[in-house]
Protein backbone atom coordinates (compact mmCIF):
# COMPACT_ATOMS: atom_id res chain seq x y z
CA UNK A 1 112.72 33.76 106.43
CA UNK A 2 113.26 32.33 109.68
CA UNK A 3 116.26 34.66 110.29
CA UNK A 4 114.00 37.68 109.48
CA UNK A 5 111.66 36.50 112.12
CA UNK A 6 114.16 36.01 114.72
CA UNK A 7 115.16 39.65 113.81
CA UNK A 8 111.98 41.10 113.96
CA UNK A 9 111.19 39.48 117.40
CA UNK A 10 114.19 40.44 119.10
CA UNK A 11 114.15 43.66 117.77
CA UNK A 12 110.58 44.13 119.10
CA UNK A 13 111.61 42.87 122.19
CA UNK A 14 114.32 44.87 122.99
CA UNK A 15 112.37 48.02 121.86
CA UNK A 16 110.16 47.11 124.43
CA UNK A 17 112.13 46.36 127.43
CA UNK A 18 114.69 49.54 126.68
CA UNK A 19 111.51 51.49 126.23
CA UNK A 20 110.31 50.31 129.88
CA UNK A 21 113.85 50.96 131.40
CA UNK A 22 113.61 54.30 130.17
CA UNK A 23 110.13 55.31 131.32
CA UNK A 24 111.35 54.32 134.88
CA UNK A 25 114.45 56.82 134.28
CA UNK A 26 112.60 59.56 132.84
CA UNK A 27 111.08 62.19 135.46
CA UNK A 28 108.26 61.01 137.11
CA UNK A 29 106.13 64.37 136.62
CA UNK A 30 107.01 64.82 132.96
CA UNK A 31 105.05 62.58 130.13
CA UNK A 32 102.04 60.89 129.08
CA UNK A 33 99.96 57.98 130.84
CA UNK A 34 97.69 56.56 128.11
CA UNK A 35 94.18 56.23 129.73
CA UNK A 36 92.47 54.90 126.72
CA UNK A 37 88.88 53.86 127.28
CA UNK A 38 88.63 56.55 129.83
CA UNK A 39 86.97 59.68 129.86
CA UNK A 40 88.26 63.18 130.29
CA UNK A 41 87.17 64.97 133.27
CA UNK A 42 84.38 66.64 131.10
CA UNK A 43 82.88 69.01 133.74
CA UNK A 44 85.62 70.69 135.28
CA UNK A 45 85.54 74.48 134.86
CA UNK A 46 87.35 76.75 132.68
CA UNK A 47 87.65 79.84 130.67
CA UNK A 48 86.79 80.43 126.94
CA UNK A 49 88.67 83.20 124.69
CA UNK A 50 85.91 85.88 125.85
CA UNK A 51 86.46 84.86 129.46
CA UNK A 52 83.02 82.85 130.06
CA UNK A 53 83.04 80.21 132.32
CA UNK A 54 82.66 76.69 129.99
CA UNK A 55 83.34 73.19 130.56
CA UNK A 56 84.77 70.47 127.87
CA UNK A 57 81.23 68.60 127.60
CA UNK A 58 80.29 72.03 126.12
CA UNK A 59 82.67 71.26 123.20
CA UNK A 60 82.84 67.66 123.12
CA UNK A 61 80.04 66.61 120.35
CA UNK A 62 82.01 65.08 118.00
CA UNK A 63 85.55 63.66 117.35
CA UNK A 64 87.45 66.25 118.97
CA UNK A 65 91.36 66.68 118.99
CA UNK A 66 92.42 67.49 122.22
CA UNK A 67 95.80 69.79 122.66
CA UNK A 68 97.58 70.13 125.91
CA UNK A 69 99.72 73.88 125.96
CA UNK A 70 101.19 76.94 127.37
CA UNK A 71 100.16 79.85 125.13
CA UNK A 72 103.89 81.60 125.59
CA UNK A 73 105.84 78.31 125.21
CA UNK A 74 108.88 79.47 122.81
CA UNK A 75 109.28 76.19 121.08
CA UNK A 76 106.84 72.71 121.23
CA UNK A 77 103.56 74.24 121.62
CA UNK A 78 103.72 76.60 118.75
CA UNK A 79 105.30 73.87 116.35
CA UNK A 80 102.26 71.41 117.25
CA UNK A 81 99.71 74.04 116.49
CA UNK A 82 101.01 75.29 113.38
CA UNK A 83 101.22 71.27 112.23
CA UNK A 84 97.20 71.02 113.11
CA UNK A 85 96.73 74.18 111.28
CA UNK A 86 98.58 72.39 107.96
CA UNK A 87 96.53 69.08 108.98
CA UNK A 88 93.37 71.50 108.95
CA UNK A 89 94.29 72.88 105.17
CA UNK A 90 95.43 69.52 104.07
CA UNK A 91 92.14 66.97 105.22
CA UNK A 92 89.55 65.84 103.37
CA UNK A 93 87.36 66.36 106.49
CA UNK A 94 85.16 68.91 107.17
CA UNK A 95 85.91 70.82 109.95
CA UNK A 96 82.76 71.74 112.05
CA UNK A 97 81.03 68.71 110.95
CA UNK A 98 83.44 65.38 111.14
CA UNK A 99 85.62 67.17 113.78
CA UNK A 100 86.69 69.87 116.25
CA UNK A 101 89.55 71.33 118.06
CA UNK A 102 89.96 72.39 121.92
CA UNK A 103 93.39 73.58 123.42
CA UNK A 104 93.60 73.79 126.79
CA UNK A 105 96.36 75.97 128.72
CA UNK A 106 97.97 74.24 131.50
CA UNK A 107 99.70 77.80 132.86
CA UNK A 108 97.54 79.49 135.23
CA UNK A 109 98.76 82.81 134.28
CA UNK A 110 97.49 82.63 130.62
CA UNK A 111 94.45 84.89 130.20
CA UNK A 112 91.29 84.83 127.98
CA UNK A 113 92.89 87.90 126.24
CA UNK A 114 96.11 86.25 125.08
CA UNK A 115 93.89 82.95 124.26
CA UNK A 116 91.92 85.26 121.96
CA UNK A 117 94.85 86.69 120.95
CA UNK A 118 96.44 83.42 119.60
CA UNK A 119 93.49 81.90 118.55
CA UNK A 120 93.28 84.36 116.00
CA UNK A 121 97.21 84.14 114.51
CA UNK A 122 96.75 80.62 114.40
CA UNK A 123 93.35 80.90 112.27
CA UNK A 124 94.81 83.80 110.18
CA UNK A 125 96.84 80.34 108.74
CA UNK A 126 93.91 78.51 107.45
CA UNK A 127 93.25 78.54 103.92
CA UNK A 128 89.68 77.11 103.90
CA UNK A 129 86.24 78.31 104.81
CA UNK A 130 86.60 77.57 109.24
CA UNK A 131 84.58 78.55 111.66
CA UNK A 132 85.86 80.32 114.46
CA UNK A 133 83.53 77.89 116.86
CA UNK A 134 85.49 74.78 115.34
CA UNK A 135 88.75 75.71 117.42
CA UNK A 136 88.98 76.77 121.00
CA UNK A 137 91.59 77.72 123.15
CA UNK A 138 90.50 77.80 126.67
CA UNK A 139 92.76 78.68 129.80
CA UNK A 140 91.96 78.04 133.80
CA UNK A 141 93.72 77.92 137.30
CA UNK A 142 96.60 76.10 137.95
CA UNK A 143 94.14 73.37 139.91
CA UNK A 144 91.25 72.87 137.01
CA UNK A 145 93.85 72.99 134.08
CA UNK A 146 95.85 70.40 136.12
CA UNK A 147 92.45 68.27 136.73
CA UNK A 148 92.04 68.02 132.91
CA UNK A 149 95.60 66.79 132.30
CA UNK A 150 95.42 64.58 134.73
CA UNK A 151 92.51 62.69 133.06
CA UNK A 152 94.50 62.52 130.00
CA UNK A 153 97.30 61.65 131.77
CA UNK A 154 99.21 64.75 130.74
CA UNK A 155 101.86 65.24 132.92
CA UNK A 156 104.16 68.21 133.06
CA UNK A 157 106.18 70.41 135.19
CA UNK A 158 106.93 74.62 135.76
CA UNK A 159 110.24 75.46 136.16
CA UNK A 160 110.33 79.03 136.41
CA UNK A 161 108.18 81.01 134.14
CA UNK A 162 108.26 77.93 131.52
CA UNK A 163 107.12 74.45 131.61
CA UNK A 164 108.52 71.06 130.58
CA UNK A 165 106.09 69.00 128.79
CA UNK A 166 105.60 65.92 126.01
CA UNK A 167 104.45 66.81 123.03
CA UNK A 168 100.94 64.82 122.24
CA UNK A 169 97.26 65.39 120.65
CA UNK A 170 94.64 62.94 121.66
CA UNK A 171 91.39 61.78 120.17
CA UNK A 172 87.96 61.70 122.47
CA UNK A 173 85.26 60.32 120.66
CA UNK A 174 81.91 62.23 120.41
CA UNK A 175 81.18 61.04 124.38
CA UNK A 176 84.33 62.67 125.56
CA UNK A 177 86.26 59.05 126.00
CA UNK A 178 90.08 58.82 125.00
CA UNK A 179 90.71 57.30 121.64
CA UNK A 180 93.96 57.43 120.33
CA UNK A 181 97.25 59.55 121.29
CA UNK A 182 99.23 60.46 118.66
CA UNK A 183 102.75 61.24 119.74
CA UNK A 184 105.00 64.50 118.68
CA UNK A 185 104.81 67.96 117.42
CA UNK A 186 104.27 67.81 113.76
CA UNK A 187 101.36 65.42 112.69
CA UNK A 188 100.38 63.36 109.23
CA UNK A 189 97.62 64.64 107.90
CA UNK A 190 96.39 60.85 107.20
CA UNK A 191 97.22 60.28 110.72
CA UNK A 192 94.98 62.33 111.91
CA UNK A 193 92.17 61.90 109.78
CA UNK A 194 92.54 57.84 110.68
CA UNK A 195 92.31 58.90 114.28
CA UNK A 196 88.91 61.01 113.69
CA UNK A 197 87.57 58.37 111.91
CA UNK A 198 88.20 55.78 114.73
CA UNK A 199 87.24 58.09 117.47
CA UNK A 200 83.78 58.91 115.54
CA UNK A 201 82.88 54.98 115.63
CA UNK A 202 83.74 54.94 119.35
CA UNK A 203 86.92 52.36 118.67
CA UNK A 204 90.01 52.99 121.09
CA UNK A 205 93.25 52.45 119.22
CA UNK A 206 96.66 51.49 121.36
CA UNK A 207 99.75 53.70 119.95
CA UNK A 208 101.79 51.22 118.61
CA UNK A 209 104.38 53.91 117.96
CA UNK A 210 105.00 54.36 121.64
CA UNK A 211 107.84 51.65 120.90
CA UNK A 212 109.83 53.29 118.75
CA UNK A 213 109.36 56.12 120.89
CA UNK A 214 112.70 55.14 122.47
CA UNK A 215 114.59 56.08 120.19
CA UNK A 216 113.66 59.68 120.39
CA UNK A 217 114.56 61.76 123.70
CA UNK A 218 113.15 64.96 124.51
CA UNK A 219 115.23 68.04 124.79
CA UNK A 220 113.97 70.65 127.11
CA UNK A 221 116.52 73.49 125.24
CA UNK A 222 115.41 73.11 121.90
CA UNK A 223 111.96 72.06 123.08
CA UNK A 224 111.46 69.04 121.30
CA UNK A 225 111.95 65.32 120.46
CA UNK A 226 115.31 64.32 118.72
CA UNK A 227 116.72 61.00 117.48
CA UNK A 228 118.89 59.31 119.98
CA UNK A 229 122.09 57.60 118.16
CA UNK A 230 123.29 56.30 121.36
CA UNK A 231 119.89 54.58 122.05
CA UNK A 232 119.34 53.49 118.36
CA UNK A 233 123.14 51.96 118.39
CA UNK A 234 122.72 50.27 121.58
CA UNK A 235 119.14 48.97 120.56
CA UNK A 236 120.88 47.39 117.14
CA UNK A 237 123.86 45.82 119.08
CA UNK A 238 121.10 44.42 121.70
CA UNK A 239 119.39 42.90 118.90
CA UNK A 240 122.64 41.52 116.57
CA UNK A 241 124.01 39.76 120.01
CA UNK A 242 120.85 38.36 120.91
CA UNK A 243 119.85 36.68 117.20
CA UNK A 244 123.99 35.79 117.16
CA UNK A 245 123.25 34.05 120.33
CA UNK A 246 119.73 32.45 119.46
CA UNK A 247 121.76 30.83 116.22
CA UNK A 248 124.26 29.53 118.22
CA UNK A 249 122.19 27.95 120.74
CA UNK A 250 119.76 26.64 117.70
CA UNK A 251 122.89 25.10 115.73
CA UNK A 252 124.28 23.53 119.00
CA UNK A 253 124.81 20.01 118.00
CA UNK A 254 123.01 17.19 120.67
CA UNK A 255 125.35 15.34 122.74
CA UNK A 256 124.33 11.27 122.26
CA UNK A 257 124.47 9.13 125.16
């Protein structure tokens, strides 16, 4: 039992340590800085699918799943949104009553017309009654989209006509406060349901899974996250070495004067 506890503790320490080092080496302009408990920029002007000026405040009056995407994204974004459509189909919660969704584009070349087209495509995937007013795709200027993204700790970088960006969804409370981050571009329905319920109660939850995110690396070519065998093997090696040293020093006989 003691050995199991030592191994678990050592693994946790190594994961935290390596995660911190990985973040320091990561690109400073791409990633997520969690701002749990902070409000997002609710009053920044964006455009809805009809081209009208709107603000997040117009839509955030119940738990809201917030996503940052760009509409011509060839990889992460469509996978992420398709996964949310799957969650909507599977959840026992009622869209519009229990939660709604808002996607904000950070590509200034995205237009309300394109947002309307993409929204229609994703709504066609839904296999349950769903009001179009419960999932919005918003566009905006480069400056205003950046303001909203920065308020949520979402960092991205443009490379030519494309963008390098992380994959995640954020849960907002009915007051527009960041309640939870869920990382990746595919999601488990039960996890999202729990996050929605926590947001409804105004609860703010830390992202424990971020410790394990060290074992995954972002692949800009494949536009997704892949398991890093090298990182995992390195972590395991350090854990085993650490536990071995702990036992050596614990069993070292004391010298009597």
